[in-house]
């Protein structure tokens, strides 16, 4: 077995399964205030999927780890996800 912390890497959230693993692991590992520390924002921005960043902006703005009404998955491509969130919307 591999430690769940492996799923906490934002850049690994390229598929729907990876993203859901990230969210589940984050939910289990976070302190009550749900603090996330990113040491090198530019590297994370460059390596992380754009949909992960939409989720991160939503999480940062509204402190919501997961809103099932904002994630959309194509039935014919279940490992591609779209996170519906725009800053200030």
PDB file of N, CA and C in Angstrom:
ATOM      1  N   UNK A   1       0.840  -1.189   0.000  1.00  0.00           N
ATOM      2  CA  UNK A   1       0.000   0.000   0.000  1.00  0.00           C
ATOM      3  C   UNK A   1       0.875   1.238   0.000  1.00  0.00           C
ATOM      4  N   UNK A   2       0.344   2.283  -0.578  1.00  0.00           N
ATOM      5  CA  UNK A   2       1.057   3.557  -0.654  1.00  0.00           C
ATOM      6  C   UNK A   2       0.357   4.547   0.280  1.00  0.00           C
ATOM      7  N   UNK A   3       1.130   5.401   0.908  1.00  0.00           N
ATOM      8  CA  UNK A   3       0.581   6.384   1.851  1.00  0.00           C
ATOM      9  C   UNK A   3      -0.369   7.349   1.144  1.00  0.00           C
ATOM     10  N   UNK A   4      -1.496   7.695   1.774  1.00  0.00           N
ATOM     11  CA  UNK A   4      -2.451   8.619   1.160  1.00  0.00           C
ATOM     12  C   UNK A   4      -1.866   9.997   0.846  1.00  0.00           C
ATOM     13  N   UNK A   5      -0.816  10.403   1.549  1.00  0.00           N
ATOM     14  CA  UNK A   5      -0.245  11.733   1.315  1.00  0.00           C
ATOM     15  C   UNK A   5       0.221  11.913  -0.123  1.00  0.00           C
ATOM     16  N   UNK A   6       0.459  10.831  -0.852  1.00  0.00           N
ATOM     17  CA  UNK A   6       0.878  10.940  -2.253  1.00  0.00           C
ATOM     18  C   UNK A   6      -0.178  11.663  -3.091  1.00  0.00           C
ATOM     19  N   UNK A   7      -1.432  11.627  -2.655  1.00  0.00           N
ATOM     20  CA  UNK A   7      -2.513  12.249  -3.414  1.00  0.00           C
ATOM     21  C   UNK A   7      -2.633  13.748  -3.159  1.00  0.00           C
ATOM     22  N   UNK A   8      -1.828  14.299  -2.267  1.00  0.00           N
ATOM     23  CA  UNK A   8      -1.920  15.717  -1.943  1.00  0.00           C
ATOM     24  C   UNK A   8      -1.139  16.617  -2.904  1.00  0.00           C
ATOM     25  N   UNK A   9      -0.556  16.057  -3.931  1.00  0.00           N
ATOM     26  CA  UNK A   9       0.174  16.852  -4.915  1.00  0.00           C
ATOM     27  C   UNK A   9      -0.810  17.415  -5.942  1.00  0.00           C
ATOM     28  N   UNK A  10      -0.991  18.752  -5.978  1.00  0.00           N
ATOM     29  CA  UNK A  10      -1.937  19.342  -6.929  1.00  0.00           C
ATOM     30  C   UNK A  10      -1.661  18.940  -8.371  1.00  0.00           C
ATOM     31  N   UNK A  11      -0.408  18.855  -8.750  1.00  0.00           N
ATOM     32  CA  UNK A  11      -0.087  18.557 -10.156  1.00  0.00           C
ATOM     33  C   UNK A  11      -0.491  17.145 -10.562  1.00  0.00           C
ATOM     34  N   UNK A  12      -0.816  16.312  -9.583  1.00  0.00           N
ATOM     35  CA  UNK A  12      -1.242  14.948  -9.886  1.00  0.00           C
ATOM     36  C   UNK A  12      -2.741  14.843 -10.152  1.00  0.00           C
ATOM     37  N   UNK A  13      -3.461  15.948 -10.069  1.00  0.00           N
ATOM     38  CA  UNK A  13      -4.922  15.924 -10.214  1.00  0.00           C
ATOM     39  C   UNK A  13      -5.360  16.083 -11.661  1.00  0.00           C
ATOM     40  N   UNK A  14      -4.775  15.315 -12.555  1.00  0.00           N
ATOM     41  CA  UNK A  14      -5.084  15.468 -13.973  1.00  0.00           C
ATOM     42  C   UNK A  14      -6.333  14.709 -14.406  1.00  0.00           C
ATOM     43  N   UNK A  15      -6.703  13.650 -13.695  1.00  0.00           N
ATOM     44  CA  UNK A  15      -7.909  12.891 -14.051  1.00  0.00           C
ATOM     45  C   UNK A  15      -8.958  13.068 -12.956  1.00  0.00           C
ATOM     46  N   UNK A  16     -10.181  12.682 -13.281  1.00  0.00           N
ATOM     47  CA  UNK A  16     -11.264  12.754 -12.297  1.00  0.00           C
ATOM     48  C   UNK A  16     -10.913  11.939 -11.054  1.00  0.00           C
ATOM     49  N   UNK A  17     -10.407  10.740 -11.253  1.00  0.00           N
ATOM     50  CA  UNK A  17     -10.054   9.878 -10.118  1.00  0.00           C
ATOM     51  C   UNK A  17      -8.974  10.525  -9.254  1.00  0.00           C
ATOM     52  N   UNK A  18      -7.957  11.083  -9.899  1.00  0.00           N
ATOM     53  CA  UNK A  18      -6.879  11.736  -9.150  1.00  0.00           C
ATOM     54  C   UNK A  18      -7.398  12.931  -8.362  1.00  0.00           C
ATOM     55  N   UNK A  19      -8.283  13.714  -8.981  1.00  0.00           N
ATOM     56  CA  UNK A  19      -8.841  14.887  -8.317  1.00  0.00           C
ATOM     57  C   UNK A  19      -9.669  14.469  -7.098  1.00  0.00           C
ATOM     58  N   UNK A  20     -10.500  13.441  -7.253  1.00  0.00           N
ATOM     59  CA  UNK A  20     -11.308  12.971  -6.126  1.00  0.00           C
ATOM     60  C   UNK A  20     -10.432  12.373  -5.032  1.00  0.00           C
ATOM     61  N   UNK A  21      -9.354  11.691  -5.400  1.00  0.00           N
ATOM     62  CA  UNK A  21      -8.388  11.206  -4.403  1.00  0.00           C
ATOM     63  C   UNK A  21      -7.766  12.378  -3.657  1.00  0.00           C
ATOM     64  N   UNK A  22      -7.410  13.433  -4.392  1.00  0.00           N
ATOM     65  CA  UNK A  22      -6.838  14.635  -3.777  1.00  0.00           C
ATOM     66  C   UNK A  22      -7.806  15.224  -2.753  1.00  0.00           C
ATOM     67  N   UNK A  23      -9.072  15.396  -3.155  1.00  0.00           N
ATOM     68  CA  UNK A  23     -10.077  15.993  -2.259  1.00  0.00           C
ATOM     69  C   UNK A  23     -10.310  15.141  -1.013  1.00  0.00           C
ATOM     70  N   UNK A  24     -10.413  13.823  -1.213  1.00  0.00           N
ATOM     71  CA  UNK A  24     -10.629  12.928  -0.078  1.00  0.00           C
ATOM     72  C   UNK A  24      -9.459  12.946   0.886  1.00  0.00           C
ATOM     73  N   UNK A  25      -8.254  12.892   0.350  1.00  0.00           N
ATOM     74  CA  UNK A  25      -7.064  12.909   1.208  1.00  0.00           C
ATOM     75  C   UNK A  25      -6.936  14.237   1.921  1.00  0.00           C
ATOM     76  N   UNK A  26      -7.217  15.325   1.197  1.00  0.00           N
ATOM     77  CA  UNK A  26      -7.156  16.651   1.823  1.00  0.00           C
ATOM     78  C   UNK A  26      -8.160  16.748   2.974  1.00  0.00           C
ATOM     79  N   UNK A  27      -9.353  16.228   2.761  1.00  0.00           N
ATOM     80  CA  UNK A  27     -10.379  16.259   3.807  1.00  0.00           C
ATOM     81  C   UNK A  27      -9.935  15.508   5.053  1.00  0.00           C
ATOM     82  N   UNK A  28      -9.247  14.393   4.861  1.00  0.00           N
ATOM     83  CA  UNK A  28      -8.798  13.578   5.985  1.00  0.00           C
ATOM     84  C   UNK A  28      -7.578  14.156   6.702  1.00  0.00           C
ATOM     85  N   UNK A  29      -6.710  14.832   5.980  1.00  0.00           N
ATOM     86  CA  UNK A  29      -5.444  15.286   6.544  1.00  0.00           C
ATOM     87  C   UNK A  29      -5.439  16.720   7.062  1.00  0.00           C
ATOM     88  N   UNK A  30      -6.432  17.477   6.733  1.00  0.00           N
ATOM     89  CA  UNK A  30      -6.401  18.885   7.123  1.00  0.00           C
ATOM     90  C   UNK A  30      -6.798  19.101   8.568  1.00  0.00           C
ATOM     91  N   UNK A  31      -6.265  20.180   9.106  1.00  0.00           N
ATOM     92  CA  UNK A  31      -6.634  20.604  10.456  1.00  0.00           C
ATOM     93  C   UNK A  31      -8.038  21.198  10.391  1.00  0.00           C
ATOM     94  N   UNK A  32      -8.658  21.469  11.552  1.00  0.00           N
ATOM     95  CA  UNK A  32     -10.024  22.003  11.548  1.00  0.00           C
ATOM     96  C   UNK A  32     -10.189  23.293  10.751  1.00  0.00           C
ATOM     97  N   UNK A  33      -9.133  24.099  10.638  1.00  0.00           N
ATOM     98  CA  UNK A  33      -9.218  25.343   9.876  1.00  0.00           C
ATOM     99  C   UNK A  33      -8.974  25.136   8.399  1.00  0.00           C
ATOM    100  N   UNK A  34      -8.663  23.894   7.990  1.00  0.00           N
ATOM    101  CA  UNK A  34      -8.408  23.539   6.602  1.00  0.00           C
ATOM    102  C   UNK A  34      -7.392  24.471   5.952  1.00  0.00           C
ATOM    103  N   UNK A  35      -6.230  24.534   6.537  1.00  0.00           N
ATOM    104  CA  UNK A  35      -5.148  25.356   6.009  1.00  0.00           C
ATOM    105  C   UNK A  35      -4.354  24.569   4.986  1.00  0.00           C
ATOM    106  N   UNK A  36      -4.051  25.205   3.857  1.00  0.00           N
ATOM    107  CA  UNK A  36      -3.204  24.599   2.849  1.00  0.00           C
ATOM    108  C   UNK A  36      -2.005  25.513   2.644  1.00  0.00           C
ATOM    109  N   UNK A  37      -0.828  24.941   2.658  1.00  0.00           N
ATOM    110  CA  UNK A  37       0.385  25.729   2.447  1.00  0.00           C
ATOM    111  C   UNK A  37       1.025  25.293   1.144  1.00  0.00           C
ATOM    112  N   UNK A  38       1.221  26.251   0.256  1.00  0.00           N
ATOM    113  CA  UNK A  38       1.909  25.993  -1.008  1.00  0.00           C
ATOM    114  C   UNK A  38       3.171  26.846  -0.986  1.00  0.00           C
ATOM    115  N   UNK A  39       4.310  26.176  -0.960  1.00  0.00           N
ATOM    116  CA  UNK A  39       5.582  26.884  -0.851  1.00  0.00           C
ATOM    117  C   UNK A  39       5.988  27.596  -2.125  1.00  0.00           C
ATOM    118  N   UNK A  40       5.738  27.009  -3.264  1.00  0.00           N
ATOM    119  CA  UNK A  40       6.186  27.573  -4.531  1.00  0.00           C
ATOM    120  C   UNK A  40       4.994  27.676  -5.477  1.00  0.00           C
ATOM    121  N   UNK A  41       4.289  28.800  -5.417  1.00  0.00           N
ATOM    122  CA  UNK A  41       3.054  28.979  -6.174  1.00  0.00           C
ATOM    123  C   UNK A  41       3.304  28.901  -7.678  1.00  0.00           C
ATOM    124  N   UNK A  42       4.381  29.494  -8.153  1.00  0.00           N
ATOM    125  CA  UNK A  42       4.646  29.492  -9.594  1.00  0.00           C
ATOM    126  C   UNK A  42       4.830  28.077 -10.138  1.00  0.00           C
ATOM    127  N   UNK A  43       5.541  27.233  -9.413  1.00  0.00           N
ATOM    128  CA  UNK A  43       5.734  25.860  -9.858  1.00  0.00           C
ATOM    129  C   UNK A  43       4.408  25.104  -9.842  1.00  0.00           C
ATOM    130  N   UNK A  44       3.624  25.291  -8.797  1.00  0.00           N
ATOM    131  CA  UNK A  44       2.326  24.617  -8.714  1.00  0.00           C
ATOM    132  C   UNK A  44       1.426  25.108  -9.840  1.00  0.00           C
ATOM    133  N   UNK A  45       1.435  26.411 -10.129  1.00  0.00           N
ATOM    134  CA  UNK A  45       0.627  26.961 -11.214  1.00  0.00           C
ATOM    135  C   UNK A  45       1.029  26.350 -12.557  1.00  0.00           C
ATOM    136  N   UNK A  46       2.303  26.228 -12.764  1.00  0.00           N
ATOM    137  CA  UNK A  46       2.817  25.715 -14.037  1.00  0.00           C
ATOM    138  C   UNK A  46       2.507  24.228 -14.207  1.00  0.00           C
ATOM    139  N   UNK A  47       2.557  23.464 -13.128  1.00  0.00           N
ATOM    140  CA  UNK A  47       2.419  22.011 -13.222  1.00  0.00           C
ATOM    141  C   UNK A  47       1.014  21.482 -12.946  1.00  0.00           C
ATOM    142  N   UNK A  48       0.161  22.284 -12.358  1.00  0.00           N
ATOM    143  CA  UNK A  48      -1.171  21.803 -11.984  1.00  0.00           C
ATOM    144  C   UNK A  48      -2.170  22.011 -13.118  1.00  0.00           C
ATOM    145  N   UNK A  49      -3.145  21.112 -13.232  1.00  0.00           N
ATOM    146  CA  UNK A  49      -4.162  21.254 -14.272  1.00  0.00           C
ATOM    147  C   UNK A  49      -5.020  22.507 -14.059  1.00  0.00           C
ATOM    148  N   UNK A  50      -5.485  23.147 -15.150  1.00  0.00           N
ATOM    149  CA  UNK A  50      -6.321  24.353 -15.020  1.00  0.00           C
ATOM    150  C   UNK A  50      -7.586  24.123 -14.190  1.00  0.00           C
ATOM    151  N   UNK A  51      -8.188  22.932 -14.298  1.00  0.00           N
ATOM    152  CA  UNK A  51      -9.406  22.668 -13.525  1.00  0.00           C
ATOM    153  C   UNK A  51      -9.110  22.627 -12.025  1.00  0.00           C
ATOM    154  N   UNK A  52      -7.911  22.164 -11.666  1.00  0.00           N
ATOM    155  CA  UNK A  52      -7.514  22.167 -10.257  1.00  0.00           C
ATOM    156  C   UNK A  52      -7.449  23.600  -9.754  1.00  0.00           C
ATOM    157  N   UNK A  53      -6.939  24.501 -10.575  1.00  0.00           N
ATOM    158  CA  UNK A  53      -6.860  25.907 -10.166  1.00  0.00           C
ATOM    159  C   UNK A  53      -8.235  26.519  -9.996  1.00  0.00           C
ATOM    160  N   UNK A  54      -9.197  26.144 -10.820  1.00  0.00           N
ATOM    161  CA  UNK A  54     -10.572  26.641 -10.623  1.00  0.00           C
ATOM    162  C   UNK A  54     -11.081  26.178  -9.264  1.00  0.00           C
ATOM    163  N   UNK A  55     -10.847  24.892  -8.962  1.00  0.00           N
ATOM    164  CA  UNK A  55     -11.251  24.390  -7.648  1.00  0.00           C
ATOM    165  C   UNK A  55     -10.541  25.160  -6.535  1.00  0.00           C
ATOM    166  N   UNK A  56      -9.235  25.400  -6.667  1.00  0.00           N
ATOM    167  CA  UNK A  56      -8.459  26.081  -5.639  1.00  0.00           C
ATOM    168  C   UNK A  56      -8.977  27.492  -5.400  1.00  0.00           C
ATOM    169  N   UNK A  57      -9.324  28.217  -6.475  1.00  0.00           N
ATOM    170  CA  UNK A  57      -9.889  29.566  -6.292  1.00  0.00           C
ATOM    171  C   UNK A  57     -11.214  29.484  -5.538  1.00  0.00           C
ATOM    172  N   UNK A  58     -12.042  28.489  -5.870  1.00  0.00           N
ATOM    173  CA  UNK A  58     -13.308  28.309  -5.160  1.00  0.00           C
ATOM    174  C   UNK A  58     -13.051  28.001  -3.681  1.00  0.00           C
ATOM    175  N   UNK A  59     -12.133  27.087  -3.431  1.00  0.00           N
ATOM    176  CA  UNK A  59     -11.755  26.727  -2.056  1.00  0.00           C
ATOM    177  C   UNK A  59     -11.242  27.954  -1.300  1.00  0.00           C
ATOM    178  N   UNK A  60     -10.393  28.750  -1.945  1.00  0.00           N
ATOM    179  CA  UNK A  60      -9.829  29.938  -1.302  1.00  0.00           C
ATOM    180  C   UNK A  60     -10.882  31.007  -1.039  1.00  0.00           C
ATOM    181  N   UNK A  61     -11.768  31.210  -1.999  1.00  0.00           N
ATOM    182  CA  UNK A  61     -12.785  32.257  -1.870  1.00  0.00           C
ATOM    183  C   UNK A  61     -13.891  31.888  -0.886  1.00  0.00           C
ATOM    184  N   UNK A  62     -14.317  30.625  -0.895  1.00  0.00           N
ATOM    185  CA  UNK A  62     -15.515  30.247  -0.140  1.00  0.00           C
ATOM    186  C   UNK A  62     -15.293  29.167   0.907  1.00  0.00           C
ATOM    187  N   UNK A  63     -14.053  28.682   1.049  1.00  0.00           N
ATOM    188  CA  UNK A  63     -13.716  27.657   2.035  1.00  0.00           C
ATOM    189  C   UNK A  63     -14.582  26.407   1.870  1.00  0.00           C
ATOM    190  N   UNK A  64     -14.767  26.001   0.624  1.00  0.00           N
ATOM    191  CA  UNK A  64     -15.550  24.808   0.305  1.00  0.00           C
ATOM    192  C   UNK A  64     -14.600  23.771  -0.278  1.00  0.00           C
ATOM    193  N   UNK A  65     -14.450  22.629   0.397  1.00  0.00           N
ATOM    194  CA  UNK A  65     -13.556  21.598  -0.123  1.00  0.00           C
ATOM    195  C   UNK A  65     -14.168  20.929  -1.345  1.00  0.00           C
ATOM    196  N   UNK A  66     -15.441  20.605  -1.317  1.00  0.00           N
ATOM    197  CA  UNK A  66     -16.037  19.931  -2.459  1.00  0.00           C
ATOM    198  C   UNK A  66     -17.493  20.327  -2.591  1.00  0.00           C
ATOM    199  N   UNK A  67     -17.854  20.812  -3.768  1.00  0.00           N
ATOM    200  CA  UNK A  67     -19.238  21.121  -4.100  1.00  0.00           C
ATOM    201  C   UNK A  67     -19.604  20.251  -5.309  1.00  0.00           C
ATOM    202  N   UNK A  68     -20.369  19.183  -5.089  1.00  0.00           N
ATOM    203  CA  UNK A  68     -20.669  18.259  -6.188  1.00  0.00           C
ATOM    204  C   UNK A  68     -21.429  18.907  -7.338  1.00  0.00           C
ATOM    205  N   UNK A  69     -22.060  20.057  -7.104  1.00  0.00           N
ATOM    206  CA  UNK A  69     -22.781  20.740  -8.180  1.00  0.00           C
ATOM    207  C   UNK A  69     -21.839  21.491  -9.124  1.00  0.00           C
ATOM    208  N   UNK A  70     -20.547  21.546  -8.784  1.00  0.00           N
ATOM    209  CA  UNK A  70     -19.597  22.297  -9.614  1.00  0.00           C
ATOM    210  C   UNK A  70     -18.669  21.412 -10.437  1.00  0.00           C
ATOM    211  N   UNK A  71     -18.691  20.122 -10.230  1.00  0.00           N
ATOM    212  CA  UNK A  71     -17.824  19.242 -11.006  1.00  0.00           C
ATOM    213  C   UNK A  71     -18.661  18.529 -12.069  1.00  0.00           C
ATOM    214  N   UNK A  72     -18.167  18.610 -13.298  1.00  0.00           N
ATOM    215  CA  UNK A  72     -18.864  17.990 -14.422  1.00  0.00           C
ATOM    216  C   UNK A  72     -17.922  17.001 -15.095  1.00  0.00           C
ATOM    217  N   UNK A  73     -18.480  15.857 -15.454  1.00  0.00           N
ATOM    218  CA  UNK A  73     -17.705  14.781 -16.060  1.00  0.00           C
ATOM    219  C   UNK A  73     -18.428  14.330 -17.324  1.00  0.00           C
ATOM    220  N   UNK A  74     -17.671  14.190 -18.402  1.00  0.00           N
ATOM    221  CA  UNK A  74     -18.243  13.719 -19.662  1.00  0.00           C
ATOM    222  C   UNK A  74     -18.486  12.210 -19.566  1.00  0.00           C
ATOM    223  N   UNK A  75     -19.704  11.743 -19.850  1.00  0.00           N
ATOM    224  CA  UNK A  75     -19.978  10.305 -19.772  1.00  0.00           C
ATOM    225  C   UNK A  75     -19.073   9.467 -20.666  1.00  0.00           C
ATOM    226  N   UNK A  76     -18.719  10.006 -21.840  1.00  0.00           N
ATOM    227  CA  UNK A  76     -17.876   9.237 -22.751  1.00  0.00           C
ATOM    228  C   UNK A  76     -16.386   9.348 -22.421  1.00  0.00           C
ATOM    229  N   UNK A  77     -16.030  10.288 -21.525  1.00  0.00           N
ATOM    230  CA  UNK A  77     -14.640  10.454 -21.088  1.00  0.00           C
ATOM    231  C   UNK A  77     -14.641  10.701 -19.577  1.00  0.00           C
ATOM    232  N   UNK A  78     -14.920   9.692 -18.779  1.00  0.00           N
ATOM    233  CA  UNK A  78     -15.119   9.884 -17.341  1.00  0.00           C
ATOM    234  C   UNK A  78     -13.887  10.380 -16.580  1.00  0.00           C
ATOM    235  N   UNK A  79     -12.711  10.283 -17.169  1.00  0.00           N
ATOM    236  CA  UNK A  79     -11.520  10.756 -16.470  1.00  0.00           C
ATOM    237  C   UNK A  79     -11.178  12.209 -16.789  1.00  0.00           C
ATOM    238  N   UNK A  80     -12.020  12.877 -17.597  1.00  0.00           N
ATOM    239  CA  UNK A  80     -11.861  14.309 -17.841  1.00  0.00           C
ATOM    240  C   UNK A  80     -12.916  15.037 -17.022  1.00  0.00           C
ATOM    241  N   UNK A  81     -12.482  15.986 -16.218  1.00  0.00           N
ATOM    242  CA  UNK A  81     -13.446  16.729 -15.409  1.00  0.00           C
ATOM    243  C   UNK A  81     -13.351  18.228 -15.680  1.00  0.00           C
ATOM    244  N   UNK A  82     -14.446  18.918 -15.422  1.00  0.00           N
ATOM    245  CA  UNK A  82     -14.513  20.360 -15.531  1.00  0.00           C
ATOM    246  C   UNK A  82     -15.029  20.878 -14.196  1.00  0.00           C
ATOM    247  N   UNK A  83     -14.326  21.841 -13.604  1.00  0.00           N
ATOM    248  CA  UNK A  83     -14.771  22.436 -12.351  1.00  0.00           C
ATOM    249  C   UNK A  83     -15.350  23.807 -12.665  1.00  0.00           C
ATOM    250  N   UNK A  84     -16.620  24.000 -12.420  1.00  0.00           N
ATOM    251  CA  UNK A  84     -17.336  25.213 -12.777  1.00  0.00           C
ATOM    252  C   UNK A  84     -17.200  26.276 -11.677  1.00  0.00           C
ATOM    253  N   UNK A  85     -16.199  27.132 -11.841  1.00  0.00           N
ATOM    254  CA  UNK A  85     -16.038  28.236 -10.897  1.00  0.00           C
ATOM    255  C   UNK A  85     -15.214  29.327 -11.559  1.00  0.00           C
ATOM    256  N   UNK A  86     -15.687  30.532 -11.455  1.00  0.00           N
ATOM    257  CA  UNK A  86     -14.948  31.700 -11.928  1.00  0.00           C
ATOM    258  C   UNK A  86     -14.872  32.691 -10.773  1.00  0.00           C
ATOM    259  N   UNK A  87     -13.701  33.282 -10.593  1.00  0.00           N
ATOM    260  CA  UNK A  87     -13.529  34.259  -9.518  1.00  0.00           C
ATOM    261  C   UNK A  87     -14.525  35.396  -9.687  1.00  0.00           C
ATOM    262  N   UNK A  88     -15.121  35.792  -8.575  1.00  0.00           N
ATOM    263  CA  UNK A  88     -16.036  36.928  -8.573  1.00  0.00           C
ATOM    264  C   UNK A  88     -17.387  36.632  -9.180  1.00  0.00           C
ATOM    265  N   UNK A  89     -17.634  35.415  -9.558  1.00  0.00           N
ATOM    266  CA  UNK A  89     -18.928  35.076 -10.188  1.00  0.00           C
ATOM    267  C   UNK A  89     -19.991  34.856  -9.156  1.00  0.00           C
TER     268      UNK A  89
END
